[in-house]
Amino acid sequence: MAKIRVSYEYSEAEDKSIRLGLFLIACGILSLFILGFCWLSPTLQSLQSKPANCTVVSVLRPEEMFECIFTCGADCKGTSLYPCLQIFVNNSESNSVALLHFDEQQLVLNPKCSYVPPCERDNQKNRDNVLLWEDYFTKEVSSQSFTCFFNQQRRPDDVLWQRSHDTSVLLHCVLWPMVSLLLGTLIVLLTVCARSLAVRAEALQKRKCSYEVCQDLSITTSDCRSNKPRDFLAMNSDPELSSPSRTLPLFAVPVRRRDREH
């Protein structure tokens, strides 16, 4: 039996769906790397800090001023000054005095001060923002204990007022790239499986058609072979067809003896 050939080429819609799936897979892998380096690593470091109970020991405002950069438009930038606020607290985890910071970002931005205000063009506005936090910790928080975050391995002399990242950031960093990756893989697999099933169905249909054609040809050949002996026997049984005179040609004329002698 001849080998049945089936077309394995994808249609235009199947080709587009495969490209969409590969695009989603690439986006998922790329976003996983980007979010992993930009957000996942700082989030894991932030989650390593343990909660502790802190009480204010002293609130200081040294005379040293620090610079910050403000923006006033697309091409407008400048520097202004703000005073330094230092809040020392007692940490219940280590039973030692540590410098309080607002969050990890401000700790990296200025490790000497507890609070970095939003940078304004006017120095007086920056000073007023710092004085508000000084009054808050001096009058309202000075006699109360509050929850702070402490990391003994990384910064034993610093504590945080709040975390910059929580578990929701970790969830989003892992969830959405994995959703994109799984969705793209599912689209590609479904398209390939659908195409393979269509190819198998087409091959079975062609095999069935070829089998039916072969059966028809075999039946026709057997009928022809069985009819030949019957025709031959019919000819032999007919006396007119089997007589010798019937075999002579119609134009045959008997020749006389005289004609032969001459």
C-alpha atoms as a PDB file:
ATOM      1  CA  MET A   1       0.000   0.000   0.000  1.00  0.00           C
ATOM      2  CA  ALA A   2       1.310   3.452  -0.895  1.00  0.00           C
ATOM      3  CA  LYS A   3       2.359   5.707   1.938  1.00  0.00           C
ATOM      4  CA  ILE A   4      -0.233   8.375   2.768  1.00  0.00           C
ATOM      5  CA  ARG A   5       1.131  11.899   2.988  1.00  0.00           C
ATOM      6  CA  VAL A   6      -0.559  14.490   5.176  1.00  0.00           C
ATOM      7  CA  SER A   7       0.165  18.232   5.293  1.00  0.00           C
ATOM      8  CA  TYR A   8       1.666  19.413   8.594  1.00  0.00           C
ATOM      9  CA  GLU A   9       1.617  23.140   7.744  1.00  0.00           C
ATOM     10  CA  TYR A  10      -0.115  25.429  10.223  1.00  0.00           C
ATOM     11  CA  SER A  11      -2.902  27.717   9.172  1.00  0.00           C
ATOM     12  CA  GLU A  12      -2.707  31.477   9.583  1.00  0.00           C
ATOM     13  CA  ALA A  13      -4.830  31.454  12.761  1.00  0.00           C
ATOM     14  CA  GLU A  14      -2.750  28.651  14.291  1.00  0.00           C
ATOM     15  CA  ASP A  15       0.454  30.489  13.414  1.00  0.00           C
ATOM     16  CA  LYS A  16      -0.812  33.652  15.116  1.00  0.00           C
ATOM     17  CA  SER A  17      -1.839  31.746  18.242  1.00  0.00           C
ATOM     18  CA  ILE A  18       1.606  30.100  18.459  1.00  0.00           C
ATOM     19  CA  ARG A  19       3.285  33.489  18.094  1.00  0.00           C
ATOM     20  CA  LEU A  20       1.049  34.902  20.821  1.00  0.00           C
ATOM     21  CA  GLY A  21       1.944  32.025  23.127  1.00  0.00           C
ATOM     22  CA  LEU A  22       5.674  32.443  22.493  1.00  0.00           C
ATOM     23  CA  PHE A  23       5.350  36.198  23.091  1.00  0.00           C
ATOM     24  CA  LEU A  24       3.638  35.603  26.443  1.00  0.00           C
ATOM     25  CA  ILE A  25       6.320  33.085  27.425  1.00  0.00           C
ATOM     26  CA  ALA A  26       9.087  35.564  26.567  1.00  0.00           C
ATOM     27  CA  CYS A  27       7.312  38.366  28.472  1.00  0.00           C
ATOM     28  CA  GLY A  28       6.867  36.142  31.511  1.00  0.00           C
ATOM     29  CA  ILE A  29      10.544  35.136  31.605  1.00  0.00           C
ATOM     30  CA  LEU A  30      11.745  38.710  31.003  1.00  0.00           C
ATOM     31  CA  SER A  31       9.426  40.229  33.604  1.00  0.00           C
ATOM     32  CA  LEU A  32      10.455  37.565  36.112  1.00  0.00           C
ATOM     33  CA  PHE A  33      14.111  38.558  35.719  1.00  0.00           C
ATOM     34  CA  ILE A  34      13.379  42.302  35.806  1.00  0.00           C
ATOM     35  CA  LEU A  35      11.063  42.148  38.802  1.00  0.00           C
ATOM     36  CA  GLY A  36      13.417  39.712  40.495  1.00  0.00           C
ATOM     37  CA  PHE A  37      16.365  42.102  40.304  1.00  0.00           C
ATOM     38  CA  CYS A  38      14.417  45.345  40.885  1.00  0.00           C
ATOM     39  CA  TRP A  39      11.774  44.335  43.437  1.00  0.00           C
ATOM     40  CA  LEU A  40      12.182  40.775  44.607  1.00  0.00           C
ATOM     41  CA  SER A  41      15.673  41.136  46.092  1.00  0.00           C
ATOM     42  CA  PRO A  42      14.878  44.338  48.083  1.00  0.00           C
ATOM     43  CA  THR A  43      11.603  42.801  49.235  1.00  0.00           C
ATOM     44  CA  LEU A  44      13.322  39.683  50.536  1.00  0.00           C
ATOM     45  CA  GLN A  45      15.870  41.811  52.352  1.00  0.00           C
ATOM     46  CA  SER A  46      13.089  43.916  53.834  1.00  0.00           C
ATOM     47  CA  LEU A  47      11.190  40.860  55.006  1.00  0.00           C
ATOM     48  CA  GLN A  48      14.289  39.628  56.824  1.00  0.00           C
ATOM     49  CA  SER A  49      13.889  42.417  59.390  1.00  0.00           C
ATOM     50  CA  LYS A  50      12.035  41.204  62.480  1.00  0.00           C
ATOM     51  CA  PRO A  51       9.421  43.235  64.347  1.00  0.00           C
ATOM     52  CA  ALA A  52      10.396  44.508  67.773  1.00  0.00           C
ATOM     53  CA  ASN A  53       9.168  46.922  70.432  1.00  0.00           C
ATOM     54  CA  CYS A  54      10.898  50.300  70.515  1.00  0.00           C
ATOM     55  CA  THR A  55      10.710  53.247  72.889  1.00  0.00           C
ATOM     56  CA  VAL A  56      12.060  56.706  72.221  1.00  0.00           C
ATOM     57  CA  VAL A  57      15.209  57.566  74.178  1.00  0.00           C
ATOM     58  CA  SER A  58      16.097  60.972  72.747  1.00  0.00           C
ATOM     59  CA  VAL A  59      15.228  63.272  69.844  1.00  0.00           C
ATOM     60  CA  LEU A  60      18.066  65.420  68.527  1.00  0.00           C
ATOM     61  CA  ARG A  61      18.365  67.994  65.782  1.00  0.00           C
ATOM     62  CA  PRO A  62      22.006  68.767  65.084  1.00  0.00           C
ATOM     63  CA  GLU A  63      23.052  71.933  63.276  1.00  0.00           C
ATOM     64  CA  GLU A  64      24.275  70.043  60.224  1.00  0.00           C
ATOM     65  CA  MET A  65      22.265  70.624  57.028  1.00  0.00           C
ATOM     66  CA  PHE A  66      21.931  68.242  54.119  1.00  0.00           C
ATOM     67  CA  GLU A  67      21.223  68.836  50.459  1.00  0.00           C
ATOM     68  CA  CYS A  68      18.362  67.387  48.441  1.00  0.00           C
ATOM     69  CA  ILE A  69      17.472  67.685  44.767  1.00  0.00           C
ATOM     70  CA  PHE A  70      14.099  69.124  43.724  1.00  0.00           C
ATOM     71  CA  THR A  71      12.454  69.291  40.296  1.00  0.00           C
ATOM     72  CA  CYS A  72      10.333  72.164  39.010  1.00  0.00           C
ATOM     73  CA  GLY A  73       9.677  70.962  35.460  1.00  0.00           C
ATOM     74  CA  ALA A  74      10.978  68.860  32.626  1.00  0.00           C
ATOM     75  CA  ASP A  75      14.338  70.653  32.407  1.00  0.00           C
ATOM     76  CA  CYS A  76      14.309  72.389  35.780  1.00  0.00           C
ATOM     77  CA  LYS A  77      16.289  70.930  38.686  1.00  0.00           C
ATOM     78  CA  GLY A  78      17.983  72.378  41.722  1.00  0.00           C
ATOM     79  CA  THR A  79      19.228  71.734  45.250  1.00  0.00           C
ATOM     80  CA  SER A  80      17.880  72.874  48.590  1.00  0.00           C
ATOM     81  CA  LEU A  81      18.718  72.240  52.253  1.00  0.00           C
ATOM     82  CA  TYR A  82      16.926  70.465  55.082  1.00  0.00           C
ATOM     83  CA  PRO A  83      17.886  69.977  58.750  1.00  0.00           C
ATOM     84  CA  CYS A  84      18.824  66.566  60.127  1.00  0.00           C
ATOM     85  CA  LEU A  85      16.565  64.876  62.651  1.00  0.00           C
ATOM     86  CA  GLN A  86      17.941  62.037  64.782  1.00  0.00           C
ATOM     87  CA  ILE A  87      15.628  59.824  66.834  1.00  0.00           C
ATOM     88  CA  PHE A  88      17.299  57.266  69.090  1.00  0.00           C
ATOM     89  CA  VAL A  89      15.208  54.388  70.380  1.00  0.00           C
ATOM     90  CA  ASN A  90      15.698  51.410  72.627  1.00  0.00           C
ATOM     91  CA  ASN A  91      15.279  48.106  70.792  1.00  0.00           C
ATOM     92  CA  SER A  92      13.720  45.246  72.738  1.00  0.00           C
ATOM     93  CA  GLU A  93      15.383  42.598  70.560  1.00  0.00           C
ATOM     94  CA  SER A  94      18.946  43.681  71.271  1.00  0.00           C
ATOM     95  CA  ASN A  95      18.349  45.853  74.385  1.00  0.00           C
ATOM     96  CA  SER A  96      20.515  48.542  72.850  1.00  0.00           C
ATOM     97  CA  VAL A  97      20.088  52.060  71.542  1.00  0.00           C
ATOM     98  CA  ALA A  98      19.644  52.374  67.764  1.00  0.00           C
ATOM     99  CA  LEU A  99      18.917  55.157  65.295  1.00  0.00           C
ATOM    100  CA  LEU A 100      15.372  55.126  63.935  1.00  0.00           C
ATOM    101  CA  HIS A 101      14.760  55.548  60.183  1.00  0.00           C
ATOM    102  CA  PHE A 102      11.504  56.019  58.327  1.00  0.00           C
ATOM    103  CA  ASP A 103      12.037  53.116  55.865  1.00  0.00           C
ATOM    104  CA  GLU A 104      14.748  51.328  53.857  1.00  0.00           C
ATOM    105  CA  GLN A 105      14.816  53.942  51.113  1.00  0.00           C
ATOM    106  CA  GLN A 106      15.532  56.787  53.491  1.00  0.00           C
ATOM    107  CA  LEU A 107      18.083  54.645  55.297  1.00  0.00           C
ATOM    108  CA  VAL A 108      19.999  54.227  52.031  1.00  0.00           C
ATOM    109  CA  LEU A 109      19.453  57.881  51.050  1.00  0.00           C
ATOM    110  CA  ASN A 110      20.771  59.360  54.313  1.00  0.00           C
ATOM    111  CA  PRO A 111      21.952  56.897  57.004  1.00  0.00           C
ATOM    112  CA  LYS A 112      22.769  59.747  59.423  1.00  0.00           C
ATOM    113  CA  CYS A 113      19.244  61.126  59.761  1.00  0.00           C
ATOM    114  CA  SER A 114      15.963  59.564  60.824  1.00  0.00           C
ATOM    115  CA  TYR A 115      13.759  61.446  58.372  1.00  0.00           C
ATOM    116  CA  VAL A 116      14.310  62.889  54.885  1.00  0.00           C
ATOM    117  CA  PRO A 117      11.468  65.267  53.913  1.00  0.00           C
ATOM    118  CA  PRO A 118      10.101  65.617  50.378  1.00  0.00           C
ATOM    119  CA  CYS A 119      12.487  68.011  48.729  1.00  0.00           C
ATOM    120  CA  GLU A 120      10.983  71.470  48.201  1.00  0.00           C
ATOM    121  CA  ARG A 121      12.494  74.463  46.501  1.00  0.00           C
ATOM    122  CA  ASP A 122      12.056  76.572  49.624  1.00  0.00           C
ATOM    123  CA  ASN A 123      14.375  75.633  52.504  1.00  0.00           C
ATOM    124  CA  GLN A 124      11.800  76.797  55.062  1.00  0.00           C
ATOM    125  CA  LYS A 125       9.255  74.240  53.855  1.00  0.00           C
ATOM    126  CA  ASN A 126      11.805  71.496  54.286  1.00  0.00           C
ATOM    127  CA  ARG A 127      12.531  72.739  57.786  1.00  0.00           C
ATOM    128  CA  ASP A 128       8.823  72.823  58.686  1.00  0.00           C
ATOM    129  CA  ASN A 129       8.357  69.215  57.543  1.00  0.00           C
ATOM    130  CA  VAL A 130      11.228  68.068  59.749  1.00  0.00           C
ATOM    131  CA  LEU A 131       9.874  70.032  62.745  1.00  0.00           C
ATOM    132  CA  LEU A 132       6.498  68.297  62.409  1.00  0.00           C
ATOM    133  CA  TRP A 133       8.125  64.887  62.847  1.00  0.00           C
ATOM    134  CA  GLU A 134      10.210  66.184  65.720  1.00  0.00           C
ATOM    135  CA  ASP A 135       7.090  67.387  67.544  1.00  0.00           C
ATOM    136  CA  TYR A 136       5.275  64.115  66.823  1.00  0.00           C
ATOM    137  CA  PHE A 137       7.992  61.913  68.363  1.00  0.00           C
ATOM    138  CA  THR A 138       8.708  64.338  71.216  1.00  0.00           C
ATOM    139  CA  LYS A 139       5.140  64.866  72.416  1.00  0.00           C
ATOM    140  CA  GLU A 140       3.085  61.880  71.269  1.00  0.00           C
ATOM    141  CA  VAL A 141       5.414  58.889  70.916  1.00  0.00           C
ATOM    142  CA  SER A 142       7.994  59.678  73.583  1.00  0.00           C
ATOM    143  CA  SER A 143       6.179  57.851  76.385  1.00  0.00           C
ATOM    144  CA  GLN A 144       4.776  54.988  74.284  1.00  0.00           C
ATOM    145  CA  SER A 145       6.234  51.851  72.800  1.00  0.00           C
ATOM    146  CA  PHE A 146       5.701  51.195  69.117  1.00  0.00           C
ATOM    147  CA  THR A 147       6.518  48.463  66.643  1.00  0.00           C
ATOM    148  CA  CYS A 148       9.774  48.838  64.748  1.00  0.00           C
ATOM    149  CA  PHE A 149      11.729  46.506  62.471  1.00  0.00           C
ATOM    150  CA  PHE A 150      15.205  45.323  63.266  1.00  0.00           C
ATOM    151  CA  ASN A 151      17.795  43.367  61.264  1.00  0.00           C
ATOM    152  CA  GLN A 152      20.663  42.135  63.408  1.00  0.00           C
ATOM    153  CA  GLN A 153      22.781  40.796  60.533  1.00  0.00           C
ATOM    154  CA  ARG A 154      22.665  43.730  58.110  1.00  0.00           C
ATOM    155  CA  ARG A 155      22.351  46.865  60.314  1.00  0.00           C
ATOM    156  CA  PRO A 156      22.468  46.220  64.048  1.00  0.00           C
ATOM    157  CA  ASP A 157      22.649  49.968  64.859  1.00  0.00           C
ATOM    158  CA  ASP A 158      19.559  50.976  62.875  1.00  0.00           C
ATOM    159  CA  VAL A 159      15.837  50.234  63.137  1.00  0.00           C
ATOM    160  CA  LEU A 160      12.975  51.034  60.770  1.00  0.00           C
ATOM    161  CA  TRP A 161       9.705  52.812  61.435  1.00  0.00           C
ATOM    162  CA  GLN A 162       8.022  50.854  58.632  1.00  0.00           C
ATOM    163  CA  ARG A 163       8.912  48.502  55.810  1.00  0.00           C
ATOM    164  CA  SER A 164       9.111  49.717  52.224  1.00  0.00           C
ATOM    165  CA  HIS A 165       7.957  46.354  50.892  1.00  0.00           C
ATOM    166  CA  ASP A 166       5.630  43.698  52.246  1.00  0.00           C
ATOM    167  CA  THR A 167       4.441  40.256  51.195  1.00  0.00           C
ATOM    168  CA  SER A 168       2.039  41.692  48.597  1.00  0.00           C
ATOM    169  CA  VAL A 169       5.003  42.961  46.572  1.00  0.00           C
ATOM    170  CA  LEU A 170       6.549  39.505  46.727  1.00  0.00           C
ATOM    171  CA  LEU A 171       3.258  37.988  45.573  1.00  0.00           C
ATOM    172  CA  HIS A 172       2.957  40.340  42.591  1.00  0.00           C
ATOM    173  CA  CYS A 173       6.598  39.821  41.604  1.00  0.00           C
ATOM    174  CA  VAL A 174       6.051  36.073  41.288  1.00  0.00           C
ATOM    175  CA  LEU A 175       2.366  35.816  40.386  1.00  0.00           C
ATOM    176  CA  TRP A 176       2.073  37.880  37.189  1.00  0.00           C
ATOM    177  CA  PRO A 177       5.210  36.547  35.426  1.00  0.00           C
ATOM    178  CA  MET A 178       4.123  32.989  36.241  1.00  0.00           C
ATOM    179  CA  VAL A 179       0.595  33.688  34.939  1.00  0.00           C
ATOM    180  CA  SER A 180       2.019  35.022  31.667  1.00  0.00           C
ATOM    181  CA  LEU A 181       4.406  32.074  31.380  1.00  0.00           C
ATOM    182  CA  LEU A 182       1.732  29.441  32.055  1.00  0.00           C
ATOM    183  CA  LEU A 183      -0.808  31.113  29.761  1.00  0.00           C
ATOM    184  CA  GLY A 184       1.659  31.247  26.860  1.00  0.00           C
ATOM    185  CA  THR A 185       2.663  27.619  27.390  1.00  0.00           C
ATOM    186  CA  LEU A 186      -0.996  26.564  27.491  1.00  0.00           C
ATOM    187  CA  ILE A 187      -1.771  28.394  24.228  1.00  0.00           C
ATOM    188  CA  VAL A 188       1.163  26.777  22.420  1.00  0.00           C
ATOM    189  CA  LEU A 189       0.354  23.285  23.718  1.00  0.00           C
ATOM    190  CA  LEU A 190      -3.330  23.533  22.831  1.00  0.00           C
ATOM    191  CA  THR A 191      -2.532  24.765  19.322  1.00  0.00           C
ATOM    192  CA  VAL A 192       0.002  22.002  18.693  1.00  0.00           C
ATOM    193  CA  CYS A 193      -2.337  19.327  20.084  1.00  0.00           C
ATOM    194  CA  ALA A 194      -5.249  20.576  17.991  1.00  0.00           C
ATOM    195  CA  ARG A 195      -3.099  20.519  14.862  1.00  0.00           C
ATOM    196  CA  SER A 196      -1.791  17.011  15.576  1.00  0.00           C
ATOM    197  CA  LEU A 197      -5.347  15.736  16.110  1.00  0.00           C
ATOM    198  CA  ALA A 198      -6.440  17.327  12.831  1.00  0.00           C
ATOM    199  CA  VAL A 199      -3.519  15.679  11.022  1.00  0.00           C
ATOM    200  CA  ARG A 200      -4.388  12.278  12.464  1.00  0.00           C
ATOM    201  CA  ALA A 201      -8.029  12.665  11.510  1.00  0.00           C
ATOM    202  CA  GLU A 202      -7.028  13.619   7.974  1.00  0.00           C
ATOM    203  CA  ALA A 203      -4.698  10.619   7.729  1.00  0.00           C
ATOM    204  CA  LEU A 204      -7.431   8.259   8.942  1.00  0.00           C
ATOM    205  CA  GLN A 205      -9.896   9.735   6.454  1.00  0.00           C
ATOM    206  CA  LYS A 206      -7.473   9.277   3.545  1.00  0.00           C
ATOM    207  CA  ARG A 207      -6.676   5.742   4.654  1.00  0.00           C
ATOM    208  CA  LYS A 208     -10.378   4.928   4.826  1.00  0.00           C
ATOM    209  CA  CYS A 209     -11.001   6.371   1.357  1.00  0.00           C
ATOM    210  CA  SER A 210      -8.083   4.452  -0.142  1.00  0.00           C
ATOM    211  CA  TYR A 211      -9.329   1.240   1.448  1.00  0.00           C
ATOM    212  CA  GLU A 212     -12.805   1.734  -0.040  1.00  0.00           C
ATOM    213  CA  VAL A 213     -11.351   2.436  -3.491  1.00  0.00           C
ATOM    214  CA  CYS A 214      -9.234  -0.746  -3.312  1.00  0.00           C
ATOM    215  CA  GLN A 215     -12.302  -2.762  -2.355  1.00  0.00           C
ATOM    216  CA  ASP A 216     -14.262  -1.369  -5.313  1.00  0.00           C
ATOM    217  CA  LEU A 217     -11.412  -2.178  -7.697  1.00  0.00           C
ATOM    218  CA  SER A 218     -11.123  -5.758  -6.392  1.00  0.00           C
ATOM    219  CA  ILE A 219     -14.861  -6.315  -6.792  1.00  0.00           C
ATOM    220  CA  THR A 220     -14.799  -4.970 -10.369  1.00  0.00           C
ATOM    221  CA  THR A 221     -11.821  -7.173 -11.317  1.00  0.00           C
ATOM    222  CA  SER A 222     -13.427 -10.309  -9.911  1.00  0.00           C
ATOM    223  CA  ASP A 223     -16.647  -9.576 -11.817  1.00  0.00           C
ATOM    224  CA  CYS A 224     -14.744  -9.200 -15.096  1.00  0.00           C
ATOM    225  CA  ARG A 225     -12.872 -12.449 -14.530  1.00  0.00           C
ATOM    226  CA  SER A 226     -16.064 -14.348 -13.750  1.00  0.00           C
ATOM    227  CA  ASN A 227     -17.849 -13.003 -16.852  1.00  0.00           C
ATOM    228  CA  LYS A 228     -15.177 -14.142 -19.366  1.00  0.00           C
ATOM    229  CA  PRO A 229     -15.763 -17.961 -19.035  1.00  0.00           C
ATOM    230  CA  ARG A 230     -19.495 -17.421 -19.192  1.00  0.00           C
ATOM    231  CA  ASP A 231     -19.207 -15.555 -22.544  1.00  0.00           C
ATOM    232  CA  PHE A 232     -16.946 -18.259 -23.936  1.00  0.00           C
ATOM    233  CA  LEU A 233     -19.365 -21.050 -22.972  1.00  0.00           C
ATOM    234  CA  ALA A 234     -22.259 -19.125 -24.463  1.00  0.00           C
ATOM    235  CA  MET A 235     -20.452 -18.860 -27.759  1.00  0.00           C
ATOM    236  CA  ASN A 236     -19.709 -22.604 -27.845  1.00  0.00           C
ATOM    237  CA  SER A 237     -23.268 -23.533 -27.000  1.00  0.00           C
ATOM    238  CA  ASP A 238     -24.718 -21.485 -29.906  1.00  0.00           C
ATOM    239  CA  PRO A 239     -24.948 -23.864 -33.030  1.00  0.00           C
ATOM    240  CA  GLU A 240     -24.944 -21.065 -35.495  1.00  0.00           C
ATOM    241  CA  LEU A 241     -21.837 -19.535 -34.035  1.00  0.00           C
ATOM    242  CA  SER A 242     -20.085 -22.923 -33.808  1.00  0.00           C
ATOM    243  CA  SER A 243     -20.864 -24.162 -37.372  1.00  0.00           C
ATOM    244  CA  PRO A 244     -17.967 -24.264 -39.921  1.00  0.00           C
ATOM    245  CA  SER A 245     -19.895 -22.351 -42.551  1.00  0.00           C
ATOM    246  CA  ARG A 246     -20.277 -19.529 -40.152  1.00  0.00           C
ATOM    247  CA  THR A 247     -16.563 -19.242 -40.012  1.00  0.00           C
ATOM    248  CA  LEU A 248     -16.190 -18.690 -43.783  1.00  0.00           C
ATOM    249  CA  PRO A 249     -16.101 -15.161 -45.009  1.00  0.00           C
ATOM    250  CA  LEU A 250     -19.232 -13.809 -46.606  1.00  0.00           C
ATOM    251  CA  PHE A 251     -17.523 -13.028 -49.897  1.00  0.00           C
ATOM    252  CA  ALA A 252     -16.074 -16.540 -50.464  1.00  0.00           C
ATOM    253  CA  VAL A 253     -17.140 -17.968 -53.882  1.00  0.00           C
ATOM    254  CA  PRO A 254     -16.737 -21.681 -54.802  1.00  0.00           C
ATOM    255  CA  VAL A 255     -14.227 -22.243 -57.623  1.00  0.00           C
ATOM    256  CA  ARG A 256     -15.043 -24.656 -60.473  1.00  0.00           C
ATOM    257  CA  ARG A 257     -12.681 -27.377 -61.712  1.00  0.00           C
ATOM    258  CA  ARG A 258     -12.459 -25.987 -65.256  1.00  0.00           C
ATOM    259  CA  ASP A 259     -11.354 -22.696 -63.994  1.00  0.00           C
ATOM    260  CA  ARG A 260      -8.670 -24.450 -62.030  1.00  0.00           C
ATOM    261  CA  GLU A 261      -7.407 -26.337 -65.123  1.00  0.00           C
ATOM    262  CA  HIS A 262      -7.215 -23.207 -67.204  1.00  0.00           C
END
